Amino acid sequence: MTLSDRILDRCAPELDAMLSHRFVCEIAADTLHRDVFDRYLVYEGAFVDTAIAIFAFAVARAPDAGARRHLIGVLDALANRQVRYFEARLAARGLSSDMPLPPQAAAFRNGMLRLAETGSFLDIVTAMFAAEWMYWTWCTRAAQSAITDPDLRAWVVLHAEAEFAAQARWLKDAVDRYGTEADLDRLAAIFAHVTHLEIAFHHAPYEVPQ
């Protein structure tokens, strides 16, 4: 069993909790309230800037040119495609990006950024492996469902398409390429921690801002 598979096996309870989250289940059942998705888009869009910083730290600490080239491509996609995607969707749905982040969303942003600031290249890769593998897994399933909100359906399909799948697999493979058996306990703890942050983040859109 590869290192990444051992991490997935050890963190199965946390991953299963995220994959059975109310947010995930309601999307698959086509019962997610529009307001919940609107708030999610604002919070997720705000995280893109943080993701740019996270991957920039990974570029700076990458152990070889191949990893740096790949991650520079990730930065380009975040800065020039994902930022514009969220800007367009928020504008189309009449949403403001100035909405304050609730504590759970802020905790996810701050926790991920702190990990990137203080962790190694392998730590950062593992954190993003946790986040992107989770999205790819449940969106691949949800994409088979009848989702009537076209923006929501497009968002789900985006995370199930080949390009996103390739990125999730690259992160998984990077854990195996650059990690060793001695890293297992630390990386599994990072994976579990990030998944707990994601679970809390996905609670946030259900709370109406005061």
Protein backbone atom coordinates (compact mmCIF):
# COMPACT_ATOMS: atom_id res chain seq x y z
CA MET A 1 0.00 0.00 0.00
CA THR A 2 1.38 3.42 -0.93
CA LEU A 3 1.96 6.15 1.64
CA SER A 4 -0.97 8.19 0.33
CA ASP A 5 -3.26 5.15 0.49
CA ARG A 6 -2.17 4.50 4.05
CA ILE A 7 -3.04 8.10 4.91
CA LEU A 8 -6.46 7.69 3.29
CA ASP A 9 -6.99 4.44 5.18
CA ARG A 10 -5.99 5.94 8.53
CA CYS A 11 -8.12 9.04 7.97
CA ALA A 12 -11.17 7.19 6.61
CA PRO A 13 -13.42 8.22 9.56
CA GLU A 14 -12.69 11.93 9.00
CA LEU A 15 -13.04 11.66 5.23
CA ASP A 16 -16.29 9.70 5.53
CA ALA A 17 -17.67 12.38 7.85
CA MET A 18 -16.97 15.02 5.20
CA LEU A 19 -18.33 12.90 2.36
CA SER A 20 -21.59 12.44 4.28
CA HIS A 21 -21.85 16.11 5.30
CA ARG A 22 -25.27 17.75 4.99
CA PHE A 23 -23.92 20.08 2.30
CA VAL A 24 -22.75 17.16 0.17
CA CYS A 25 -25.93 15.14 0.66
CA GLU A 26 -28.23 18.05 -0.13
CA ILE A 27 -26.40 18.78 -3.37
CA ALA A 28 -26.74 15.14 -4.45
CA ALA A 29 -30.43 15.23 -3.53
CA ASP A 30 -30.93 18.60 -5.26
CA THR A 31 -32.31 20.11 -2.06
CA LEU A 32 -29.58 22.63 -1.24
CA HIS A 33 -31.16 26.01 -0.56
CA ARG A 34 -30.07 28.79 -2.91
CA ASP A 35 -29.04 31.05 -0.02
CA VAL A 36 -26.75 28.35 1.37
CA PHE A 37 -25.00 27.97 -1.97
CA ASP A 38 -24.75 31.75 -2.33
CA ARG A 39 -22.99 32.06 1.02
CA TYR A 40 -20.77 29.10 0.16
CA LEU A 41 -19.69 30.78 -3.10
CA VAL A 42 -18.70 33.93 -1.22
CA TYR A 43 -16.71 32.00 1.40
CA GLU A 44 -15.06 29.69 -1.14
CA GLY A 45 -14.27 32.59 -3.43
CA ALA A 46 -12.58 34.39 -0.54
CA PHE A 47 -10.41 31.34 0.02
CA VAL A 48 -8.93 31.48 -3.50
CA ASP A 49 -6.54 34.28 -2.49
CA THR A 50 -5.40 32.12 0.41
CA ALA A 51 -4.95 29.14 -1.91
CA ILE A 52 -2.69 31.29 -4.10
CA ALA A 53 -0.53 32.05 -1.05
CA ILE A 54 -0.51 28.38 -0.01
CA PHE A 55 0.70 27.17 -3.40
CA ALA A 56 3.24 30.02 -3.54
CA PHE A 57 4.80 28.66 -0.35
CA ALA A 58 4.84 25.22 -1.98
CA VAL A 59 6.61 26.61 -5.06
CA ALA A 60 9.25 28.25 -2.86
CA ARG A 61 9.90 24.97 -1.02
CA ALA A 62 9.56 22.57 -3.96
CA PRO A 63 12.44 20.07 -4.07
CA ASP A 64 12.88 19.98 -7.84
CA ALA A 65 12.12 21.79 -11.09
CA GLY A 66 9.36 19.40 -12.08
CA ALA A 67 7.34 20.15 -8.96
CA ARG A 68 7.95 23.88 -9.36
CA ARG A 69 6.74 23.86 -12.98
CA HIS A 70 3.56 22.01 -12.05
CA LEU A 71 2.81 24.29 -9.13
CA ILE A 72 3.42 27.43 -11.17
CA GLY A 73 0.71 26.11 -13.51
CA VAL A 74 -1.58 25.70 -10.49
CA LEU A 75 -0.92 29.31 -9.49
CA ASP A 76 -1.75 30.48 -13.00
CA ALA A 77 -5.05 28.59 -12.94
CA LEU A 78 -5.96 30.03 -9.54
CA ALA A 79 -5.05 33.62 -10.36
CA ASN A 80 -6.31 33.78 -13.94
CA ARG A 81 -9.22 31.34 -14.06
CA GLN A 82 -10.62 30.62 -10.62
CA VAL A 83 -10.56 34.23 -9.43
CA ARG A 84 -12.42 35.28 -12.58
CA TYR A 85 -14.86 32.38 -12.21
CA PHE A 86 -15.87 33.50 -8.72
CA GLU A 87 -16.02 37.16 -9.74
CA ALA A 88 -18.37 36.29 -12.60
CA ARG A 89 -20.58 33.98 -10.57
CA LEU A 90 -20.91 36.38 -7.65
CA ALA A 91 -21.81 39.22 -10.00
CA ALA A 92 -24.35 37.07 -11.86
CA ARG A 93 -26.04 36.06 -8.59
CA GLY A 94 -25.99 39.59 -7.15
CA LEU A 95 -23.58 38.71 -4.37
CA SER A 96 -20.92 40.83 -2.72
CA SER A 97 -17.44 39.52 -2.00
CA ASP A 98 -17.31 41.92 0.98
CA MET A 99 -19.46 39.64 3.14
CA PRO A 100 -17.54 39.03 6.42
CA LEU A 101 -16.27 35.50 6.91
CA PRO A 102 -17.99 33.63 9.74
CA PRO A 103 -15.70 32.06 12.37
CA GLN A 104 -15.71 28.58 10.82
CA ALA A 105 -14.74 29.87 7.39
CA ALA A 106 -12.10 32.15 8.88
CA ALA A 107 -10.71 29.23 10.91
CA PHE A 108 -10.30 27.19 7.72
CA ARG A 109 -8.54 30.05 5.92
CA ASN A 110 -6.28 30.85 8.87
CA GLY A 111 -5.51 27.23 9.65
CA MET A 112 -4.52 26.43 6.08
CA LEU A 113 -2.41 29.56 5.76
CA ARG A 114 -0.65 28.88 9.06
CA LEU A 115 0.18 25.36 7.92
CA ALA A 116 1.65 26.70 4.68
CA GLU A 117 3.67 29.37 6.47
CA THR A 118 5.21 26.93 8.95
CA GLY A 119 5.15 23.56 7.19
CA SER A 120 7.42 21.80 4.74
CA PHE A 121 6.72 21.26 1.06
CA LEU A 122 5.41 17.79 1.89
CA ASP A 123 3.16 19.18 4.64
CA ILE A 124 1.62 21.68 2.21
CA VAL A 125 1.13 19.05 -0.48
CA THR A 126 -0.59 16.77 2.03
CA ALA A 127 -2.90 19.55 3.20
CA MET A 128 -3.99 20.29 -0.37
CA PHE A 129 -4.24 16.57 -1.12
CA ALA A 130 -6.76 16.33 1.73
CA ALA A 131 -8.81 19.23 0.39
CA GLU A 132 -8.76 18.40 -3.31
CA TRP A 133 -9.11 14.63 -3.02
CA MET A 134 -12.20 15.17 -0.90
CA TYR A 135 -13.75 17.56 -3.44
CA TRP A 136 -12.96 15.34 -6.40
CA THR A 137 -14.41 12.27 -4.64
CA TRP A 138 -17.78 13.70 -3.71
CA CYS A 139 -18.22 15.90 -6.78
CA THR A 140 -17.61 12.89 -9.04
CA ARG A 141 -20.53 11.20 -7.31
CA ALA A 142 -22.74 14.28 -7.20
CA ALA A 143 -22.18 15.00 -10.90
CA GLN A 144 -24.30 11.93 -11.64
CA SER A 145 -27.28 13.55 -9.90
CA ALA A 146 -29.93 15.82 -11.37
CA ILE A 147 -28.94 19.29 -10.08
CA THR A 148 -31.35 21.97 -11.23
CA ASP A 149 -29.40 25.13 -10.29
CA PRO A 150 -27.14 25.61 -13.35
CA ASP A 151 -24.44 27.42 -11.35
CA LEU A 152 -24.37 24.69 -8.72
CA ARG A 153 -24.27 21.97 -11.36
CA ALA A 154 -21.43 23.72 -13.20
CA TRP A 155 -19.49 24.06 -9.96
CA VAL A 156 -19.88 20.34 -9.18
CA VAL A 157 -18.94 19.28 -12.72
CA LEU A 158 -15.88 21.55 -12.61
CA HIS A 159 -14.56 19.52 -9.66
CA ALA A 160 -15.31 16.21 -11.36
CA GLU A 161 -13.68 16.94 -14.71
CA ALA A 162 -10.38 15.49 -15.91
CA GLU A 163 -8.32 18.62 -15.16
CA PHE A 164 -9.31 18.70 -11.50
CA ALA A 165 -8.94 14.92 -11.22
CA ALA A 166 -5.41 15.20 -12.61
CA GLN A 167 -4.52 17.84 -10.00
CA ALA A 168 -5.91 15.70 -7.16
CA ARG A 169 -3.94 12.71 -8.43
CA TRP A 170 -0.77 14.81 -8.79
CA LEU A 171 -1.01 15.78 -5.13
CA LYS A 172 -1.60 12.15 -4.13
CA ASP A 173 1.35 11.00 -6.22
CA ALA A 174 3.54 13.79 -4.79
CA VAL A 175 2.91 12.49 -1.27
CA ASP A 176 4.21 9.10 -2.44
CA ARG A 177 7.11 10.58 -4.42
CA TYR A 178 8.47 12.87 -1.74
CA GLY A 179 7.28 11.20 1.46
CA THR A 180 8.62 8.22 3.40
CA GLU A 181 7.33 5.79 5.99
CA ALA A 182 8.79 8.04 8.67
CA ASP A 183 6.39 10.81 7.59
CA LEU A 184 3.20 8.76 7.96
CA ASP A 185 2.09 9.85 11.44
CA ARG A 186 2.73 13.55 10.77
CA LEU A 187 1.07 13.56 7.35
CA ALA A 188 -1.96 11.59 8.52
CA ALA A 189 -2.40 14.12 11.34
CA ILE A 190 -2.27 16.97 8.79
CA PHE A 191 -4.80 15.21 6.55
CA ALA A 192 -7.17 14.66 9.47
CA HIS A 193 -6.75 18.25 10.69
CA VAL A 194 -7.50 19.72 7.27
CA THR A 195 -10.56 17.50 6.90
CA HIS A 196 -11.89 18.70 10.27
CA LEU A 197 -11.37 22.28 9.09
CA GLU A 198 -13.25 21.47 5.87
CA ILE A 199 -16.17 19.96 7.81
CA ALA A 200 -16.49 23.12 9.89
CA PHE A 201 -16.12 25.29 6.78
CA HIS A 202 -19.07 23.50 5.17
CA HIS A 203 -21.19 24.12 8.27
CA ALA A 204 -20.71 27.86 7.87
CA PRO A 205 -23.05 28.54 4.91
CA TYR A 206 -26.02 27.25 6.94
CA GLU A 207 -25.63 29.99 9.50
CA VAL A 208 -27.34 33.23 8.50
CA PRO A 209 -25.03 36.23 9.09
CA GLN A 210 -26.29 38.58 11.76
